[in-house]
Amino acid sequence: MNTKFSLSILMACACLFFTACIKDTDFDQAEQIALTPIVELDLIYFDIQANRFFDSINSTPVLTVRDTTEIKFLDDGTLQESLKRAEFYFKFTNSIPRDFLVNFQFLSEANDTTYATGTPVAQGSLAAPVVTEFVENVEGENILLLTQAHKVVVSVSIPSSDETLEGNLNLKSKTTYFLEY
C-alpha cells in the first residue's frame, strides 16, 4: 500500500511539473525586454582663482581662460547605439565680483566642433558666493553628434579684470547617461 501511495504522489507531482510553468507562456515577449541602465559620471572640475584673469607680468587682463579634458569613452560603438539621452549638470560657485560666460565645446578627434553649449554665471562676492546651476539635456540627433566627441574645451570669459580682483570660480559637474539595450 505504501508503494501505491508513493506512486500516486510521484504521478501528481510529475503532472504539475509538466503543466504548471509552460501553460500560457509567450516566448515572443522575450524580444520586447529592454534593459535601461542609468550611468552617472563626474565630468569636469575646476577652481579658478581671480588672479588667473590678470597677467601681473605684463599688467594686462586675461579675459578668457580655457581648459581641455579628454572624453574618449563616448567613441565606443555599443555606447553610441545604446545612448538615448545625456544630461549634463554644472554647478558653479562664484565669489568673484564679476559675471562670467562659460562655453563648453565638444570636439572630434580632428578638432571639429560636434556639440556646443554655454551658460552665464552670476557674480558673487567673498562674503556671499553665488551658486549658479545649469542643466543641459542632449537627445535626438544631437546624441549622435555628442558621441563623436573626443574632448571638451571649457572657455571661461570675464568682461573685465584688474590686479585687485579677488575670489574663486568653482565648477563641479556630472553627466547622466540614459542607455537602452
Protein backbone atom coordinates (compact mmCIF):
# COMPACT_ATOMS: atom_id res chain seq x y z
CA MET A 1 0.00 0.00 0.00
CA ASN A 2 2.88 2.33 0.73
CA THR A 3 4.14 1.83 -2.83
CA LYS A 4 0.77 2.79 -4.36
CA PHE A 5 0.62 5.96 -2.28
CA SER A 6 4.20 6.96 -3.22
CA LEU A 7 3.50 6.23 -6.89
CA SER A 8 0.34 8.38 -6.78
CA ILE A 9 2.21 11.31 -5.24
CA LEU A 10 5.00 10.94 -7.80
CA MET A 11 2.50 10.95 -10.70
CA ALA A 12 0.70 14.01 -9.33
CA CYS A 13 3.99 15.90 -8.93
CA ALA A 14 5.05 14.94 -12.45
CA CYS A 15 1.76 16.24 -13.89
CA LEU A 16 2.10 19.53 -12.01
CA PHE A 17 5.72 19.88 -13.07
CA PHE A 18 4.98 19.48 -16.78
CA THR A 19 1.87 21.68 -16.90
CA ALA A 20 2.34 24.47 -14.34
CA CYS A 21 5.05 26.63 -15.87
CA ILE A 22 4.64 26.03 -19.57
CA LYS A 23 0.99 26.80 -19.97
CA ASP A 24 0.25 30.42 -21.08
CA THR A 25 3.94 31.31 -21.57
CA ASP A 26 4.55 33.60 -24.55
CA PHE A 27 8.19 33.27 -25.61
CA ASP A 28 7.79 36.04 -28.23
CA GLN A 29 7.76 38.55 -25.36
CA ALA A 30 11.45 37.90 -24.76
CA GLU A 31 12.25 40.14 -27.74
CA GLN A 32 10.41 43.05 -26.06
CA ILE A 33 12.66 43.10 -22.99
CA ALA A 34 14.76 46.26 -22.77
CA LEU A 35 17.47 46.99 -20.23
CA THR A 36 17.65 50.71 -19.40
CA PRO A 37 20.65 51.41 -17.19
CA ILE A 38 21.43 54.93 -16.00
CA VAL A 39 25.10 55.81 -15.60
CA GLU A 40 26.34 58.88 -13.68
CA LEU A 41 29.91 60.08 -14.15
CA ASP A 42 31.86 63.11 -12.98
CA LEU A 43 32.75 65.28 -15.97
CA ILE A 44 34.75 68.43 -15.18
CA TYR A 45 36.00 70.07 -12.02
CA PHE A 46 37.95 73.30 -11.64
CA ASP A 47 38.66 76.01 -9.11
CA ILE A 48 39.96 79.19 -10.79
CA GLN A 49 41.40 81.94 -8.63
CA ALA A 50 40.69 85.53 -9.66
CA ASN A 51 44.40 86.23 -10.27
CA ARG A 52 44.25 83.87 -13.31
CA PHE A 53 42.29 86.61 -15.09
CA PHE A 54 45.14 89.13 -14.82
CA ASP A 55 48.72 88.84 -16.14
CA SER A 56 50.75 90.58 -13.44
CA ILE A 57 53.99 90.39 -15.50
CA ASN A 58 52.55 92.35 -18.43
CA SER A 59 49.90 94.20 -16.37
CA THR A 60 47.15 93.11 -18.80
CA PRO A 61 43.79 91.46 -18.21
CA VAL A 62 43.28 87.86 -19.34
CA LEU A 63 39.65 87.84 -20.43
CA THR A 64 39.35 84.14 -21.32
CA VAL A 65 40.75 81.05 -19.60
CA ARG A 66 40.48 77.68 -21.37
CA ASP A 67 40.94 74.07 -20.34
CA THR A 68 40.63 70.83 -22.34
CA THR A 69 39.51 67.46 -21.00
CA GLU A 70 39.57 64.19 -22.97
CA ILE A 71 36.32 62.18 -23.03
CA LYS A 72 37.24 59.25 -25.28
CA PHE A 73 34.76 56.82 -23.68
CA LEU A 74 31.98 58.25 -25.89
CA ASP A 75 33.52 56.72 -29.02
CA ASP A 76 32.53 53.14 -28.08
CA GLY A 77 30.24 51.67 -30.78
CA THR A 78 27.97 49.87 -28.31
CA LEU A 79 27.56 53.03 -26.26
CA GLN A 80 26.76 55.08 -29.37
CA GLU A 81 23.98 52.67 -30.37
CA SER A 82 22.54 52.41 -26.85
CA LEU A 83 22.71 56.04 -25.71
CA LYS A 84 19.25 57.60 -25.78
CA ARG A 85 19.80 60.75 -23.74
CA ALA A 86 22.53 62.55 -21.81
CA GLU A 87 22.03 65.12 -19.08
CA PHE A 88 24.84 67.46 -18.10
CA TYR A 89 24.70 69.13 -14.70
CA PHE A 90 27.01 72.07 -13.96
CA LYS A 91 27.23 73.76 -10.55
CA PHE A 92 29.23 76.99 -10.34
CA THR A 93 30.12 78.71 -7.07
CA ASN A 94 31.34 82.25 -7.77
CA SER A 95 32.96 84.52 -5.17
CA ILE A 96 34.44 86.88 -7.79
CA PRO A 97 32.54 90.18 -8.22
CA ARG A 98 32.14 89.67 -11.99
CA ASP A 99 29.68 87.89 -14.26
CA PHE A 100 31.11 85.12 -16.43
CA LEU A 101 30.18 83.41 -19.66
CA VAL A 102 31.17 79.74 -19.73
CA ASN A 103 31.14 77.83 -23.03
CA PHE A 104 31.51 74.08 -23.48
CA GLN A 105 32.72 72.96 -26.89
CA PHE A 106 32.79 69.23 -27.66
CA LEU A 107 35.41 68.42 -30.29
CA SER A 108 36.07 65.42 -32.51
CA GLU A 109 39.49 63.84 -32.87
CA ALA A 110 40.10 66.23 -35.81
CA ASN A 111 39.16 69.22 -33.57
CA ASP A 112 35.85 69.81 -35.35
CA THR A 113 33.01 71.02 -33.12
CA THR A 114 30.44 68.26 -32.67
CA TYR A 115 28.32 69.90 -29.96
CA ALA A 116 28.41 73.21 -28.09
CA THR A 117 26.55 74.83 -25.23
CA GLY A 118 27.11 77.61 -22.74
CA THR A 119 25.72 79.45 -19.76
CA PRO A 120 26.11 82.75 -17.93
CA VAL A 121 27.35 82.66 -14.34
CA ALA A 122 26.15 85.32 -11.90
CA GLN A 123 28.64 87.45 -9.98
CA GLY A 124 29.26 86.84 -6.31
CA SER A 125 31.43 88.21 -3.54
CA LEU A 126 33.90 86.89 -0.99
CA ALA A 127 31.29 87.37 1.74
CA ALA A 128 28.41 85.86 -0.26
CA PRO A 129 29.40 83.42 -3.04
CA VAL A 130 26.64 82.85 -5.59
CA VAL A 131 25.70 79.39 -6.83
CA THR A 132 24.58 79.05 -10.47
CA GLU A 133 23.27 75.70 -11.71
CA PHE A 134 22.90 74.76 -15.35
CA VAL A 135 21.37 71.59 -16.82
CA GLU A 136 21.75 70.64 -20.49
CA ASN A 137 19.72 67.74 -21.93
CA VAL A 138 21.00 66.16 -25.11
CA GLU A 139 18.78 63.81 -27.09
CA GLY A 140 17.62 63.02 -30.60
CA GLU A 141 20.01 63.90 -33.42
CA ASN A 142 22.35 65.71 -31.03
CA ILE A 143 23.20 62.42 -29.27
CA LEU A 144 24.99 61.20 -32.39
CA LEU A 145 26.96 64.45 -32.56
CA LEU A 146 27.85 64.21 -28.88
CA THR A 147 29.15 60.65 -29.19
CA GLN A 148 31.60 61.77 -31.87
CA ALA A 149 33.39 63.99 -29.35
CA HIS A 150 36.82 63.05 -28.02
CA LYS A 151 37.34 66.08 -25.81
CA VAL A 152 35.56 69.05 -24.30
CA VAL A 153 37.00 72.56 -24.19
CA VAL A 154 35.76 74.82 -21.41
CA SER A 155 36.16 78.57 -22.04
CA VAL A 156 35.56 80.93 -19.11
CA SER A 157 35.21 84.58 -20.18
CA ILE A 158 35.09 87.64 -17.94
CA PRO A 159 34.09 91.14 -19.15
CA SER A 160 36.91 92.95 -17.29
CA SER A 161 39.70 92.23 -14.85
CA ASP A 162 42.35 94.03 -12.83
CA GLU A 163 45.05 93.22 -10.29
CA THR A 164 42.75 93.87 -7.30
CA LEU A 165 40.21 91.21 -8.26
CA GLU A 166 39.73 88.56 -5.55
CA GLY A 167 37.76 85.34 -5.17
CA ASN A 168 37.32 81.99 -6.90
CA LEU A 169 35.14 80.44 -9.57
CA ASN A 170 34.47 76.80 -8.80
CA LEU A 171 32.83 74.26 -11.13
CA LYS A 172 31.64 70.77 -10.30
CA SER A 173 29.82 68.81 -12.99
CA LYS A 174 28.47 65.39 -13.76
CA THR A 175 26.87 63.65 -16.69
CA THR A 176 24.00 61.20 -16.52
CA TYR A 177 23.77 58.80 -19.46
CA PHE A 178 20.45 57.09 -20.18
CA LEU A 179 21.05 53.85 -22.12
CA GLU A 180 18.77 51.24 -23.65
CA TYR A 181 19.88 47.74 -24.62
